[in-house]
Amino acid sequence: MAAATLKDQLSGLVNSMFAEGLLDDQFTQLQMLQDANNPGFIAEVITLFCEDAERLLKELTTLLDQVAVDYHKVDAYVHQLKGSSSSVGAQHIKHGCIRFRQFCEENSKEGCVHALNLVKHEYYRLKTKFETMVQLEQRIQAYEGQQQQ
């Protein structure tokens, strides 16, 4: 498949993610940092974000499974997730974290569990699209690498 076709698919995917509100302008800023000297930048940032988010979601799940919830600790993890979501432009996750933090302030276990489930849903929805994006990026790089040989 020609690199131009792959680039069109990638562009369509990214545009649909913006249209759905999954991404905001911060992602556009990240895209501008990717160039010929660093062609895998976006894939690297996405991979690091997903690894971090998986770890944080696991920690949050463990904390909220406790009988006595440490809301201060939960809030600290949600704050981290909000920050990393903001840095990649993951708009729905960021907004979910804002609401999640409100439930932490209220010491509402039910609210926190609900918010966690919402954030997980948004994360896995975004992760699927990010994985497709990374695969397209890798295929484009491989194709362009073959053309340079």
Protein backbone atom coordinates (compact mmCIF):
# COMPACT_ATOMS: atom_id res chain seq x y z
CA MET A 1 0.00 0.00 0.00
CA ALA A 2 1.44 3.38 -0.98
CA ALA A 3 2.61 5.75 1.73
CA ALA A 4 0.16 8.38 0.45
CA THR A 5 -2.77 6.04 1.05
CA LEU A 6 -1.53 5.21 4.54
CA LYS A 7 -1.09 8.92 5.28
CA ASP A 8 -4.66 9.56 4.10
CA GLN A 9 -5.92 6.81 6.43
CA LEU A 10 -3.92 8.28 9.32
CA SER A 11 -5.20 11.78 8.60
CA GLY A 12 -8.79 10.50 8.44
CA LEU A 13 -8.39 8.69 11.75
CA VAL A 14 -6.93 11.74 13.49
CA ASN A 15 -9.62 14.00 12.02
CA SER A 16 -12.35 11.64 13.26
CA MET A 17 -10.79 11.66 16.74
CA PHE A 18 -10.95 15.45 16.77
CA ALA A 19 -14.52 15.40 15.46
CA GLU A 20 -15.54 12.99 18.25
CA GLY A 21 -13.90 15.24 20.83
CA LEU A 22 -11.42 12.55 21.85
CA LEU A 23 -8.50 14.87 21.11
CA ASP A 24 -7.96 18.59 21.58
CA ASP A 25 -5.45 21.14 20.32
CA GLN A 26 -2.71 19.80 22.59
CA PHE A 27 -2.45 16.79 20.25
CA THR A 28 -1.95 19.20 17.33
CA GLN A 29 0.94 20.73 19.27
CA LEU A 30 2.49 17.27 19.68
CA GLN A 31 2.09 16.57 15.96
CA MET A 32 4.11 19.69 15.19
CA LEU A 33 7.03 18.25 17.18
CA GLN A 34 7.27 15.22 14.92
CA ASP A 35 9.57 15.71 11.95
CA ALA A 36 12.07 13.85 9.77
CA ASN A 37 14.61 13.86 12.61
CA ASN A 38 12.12 12.30 15.01
CA PRO A 39 9.58 10.37 12.89
CA GLY A 40 8.45 8.14 15.76
CA PHE A 41 7.74 10.93 18.22
CA ILE A 42 3.94 10.62 18.28
CA ALA A 43 4.08 6.83 18.59
CA GLU A 44 6.55 7.14 21.47
CA VAL A 45 4.41 9.71 23.32
CA ILE A 46 1.26 7.62 22.80
CA THR A 47 2.99 4.47 24.04
CA LEU A 48 4.28 6.22 27.17
CA PHE A 49 0.86 7.74 27.84
CA CYS A 50 -0.86 4.34 27.53
CA GLU A 51 1.66 2.62 29.82
CA ASP A 52 1.23 5.36 32.42
CA ALA A 53 -2.57 5.36 32.15
CA GLU A 54 -2.74 1.56 32.51
CA ARG A 55 -0.63 1.75 35.67
CA LEU A 56 -2.71 4.56 37.15
CA LEU A 57 -6.04 2.90 36.33
CA LYS A 58 -4.81 -0.30 37.98
CA GLU A 59 -3.75 1.62 41.10
CA LEU A 60 -7.08 3.46 41.22
CA THR A 61 -9.02 0.22 40.88
CA THR A 62 -7.03 -1.31 43.76
CA LEU A 63 -7.54 1.76 45.97
CA LEU A 64 -11.29 1.89 45.33
CA ASP A 65 -11.63 -1.84 46.07
CA GLN A 66 -10.56 -1.15 49.66
CA VAL A 67 -13.16 -0.96 52.42
CA ALA A 68 -11.63 2.28 53.73
CA VAL A 69 -10.74 4.44 50.73
CA ASP A 70 -7.77 6.81 50.99
CA TYR A 71 -9.31 9.67 48.99
CA HIS A 72 -6.13 11.73 49.23
CA LYS A 73 -4.17 8.96 47.50
CA VAL A 74 -6.96 8.39 44.94
CA ASP A 75 -6.96 12.12 44.18
CA ALA A 76 -3.19 12.12 43.71
CA TYR A 77 -3.41 9.33 41.10
CA VAL A 78 -6.36 10.99 39.36
CA HIS A 79 -4.35 14.22 39.27
CA GLN A 80 -1.47 12.37 37.56
CA LEU A 81 -3.83 10.81 35.03
CA LYS A 82 -5.41 14.20 34.34
CA GLY A 83 -1.96 15.68 33.73
CA SER A 84 -0.83 12.97 31.34
CA SER A 85 -4.19 13.06 29.55
CA SER A 86 -3.88 16.82 29.14
CA SER A 87 -0.35 16.48 27.77
CA VAL A 88 -1.50 14.23 24.90
CA GLY A 89 -4.75 16.05 24.27
CA ALA A 90 -7.00 13.24 25.56
CA GLN A 91 -9.93 15.54 26.15
CA HIS A 92 -12.60 13.07 27.36
CA ILE A 93 -10.24 11.45 29.85
CA LYS A 94 -9.13 14.85 31.15
CA HIS A 95 -12.75 15.94 31.68
CA GLY A 96 -13.56 12.62 33.35
CA CYS A 97 -10.65 13.17 35.73
CA ILE A 98 -11.90 16.64 36.62
CA ARG A 99 -15.24 15.14 37.67
CA PHE A 100 -13.43 12.24 39.40
CA ARG A 101 -11.47 14.72 41.53
CA GLN A 102 -14.72 16.36 42.62
CA PHE A 103 -15.94 12.99 43.91
CA CYS A 104 -12.64 12.58 45.78
CA GLU A 105 -13.18 15.95 47.47
CA GLU A 106 -16.67 14.79 48.48
CA ASN A 107 -15.27 11.46 49.77
CA SER A 108 -17.90 9.74 47.61
CA LYS A 109 -16.88 6.14 46.99
CA GLU A 110 -19.91 5.56 44.75
CA GLY A 111 -19.07 8.68 42.74
CA CYS A 112 -15.41 7.72 42.48
CA VAL A 113 -16.24 4.19 41.28
CA HIS A 114 -18.64 5.62 38.70
CA ALA A 115 -16.02 8.17 37.57
CA LEU A 116 -13.35 5.46 37.37
CA ASN A 117 -15.58 3.33 35.15
CA LEU A 118 -16.25 6.32 32.91
CA VAL A 119 -12.56 7.20 32.67
CA LYS A 120 -11.68 3.55 31.92
CA HIS A 121 -14.31 3.47 29.17
CA GLU A 122 -12.94 6.64 27.60
CA TYR A 123 -9.36 5.43 27.98
CA TYR A 124 -10.00 2.08 26.25
CA ARG A 125 -11.94 3.82 23.50
CA LEU A 126 -9.01 6.18 22.92
CA LYS A 127 -6.40 3.43 23.31
CA THR A 128 -7.94 1.41 20.47
CA LYS A 129 -7.70 4.39 18.15
CA PHE A 130 -4.20 5.25 19.38
CA GLU A 131 -3.08 1.67 18.63
CA THR A 132 -4.40 1.98 15.08
CA MET A 133 -2.63 5.34 14.77
CA VAL A 134 0.69 3.86 15.92
CA GLN A 135 0.34 0.94 13.48
CA LEU A 136 -0.31 3.34 10.59
CA GLU A 137 2.65 5.50 11.63
CA GLN A 138 4.90 2.42 11.72
CA ARG A 139 3.69 1.24 8.32
CA ILE A 140 4.31 4.70 6.83
CA GLN A 141 7.84 4.77 8.29
CA ALA A 142 8.56 1.27 7.00
CA TYR A 143 7.29 2.13 3.54
CA GLU A 144 9.24 5.37 3.40
CA GLY A 145 12.33 3.54 4.65
CA GLN A 146 12.03 1.06 1.77
CA GLN A 147 11.71 3.92 -0.72
CA GLN A 148 14.96 5.50 0.51
CA GLN A 149 16.97 2.31 -0.06
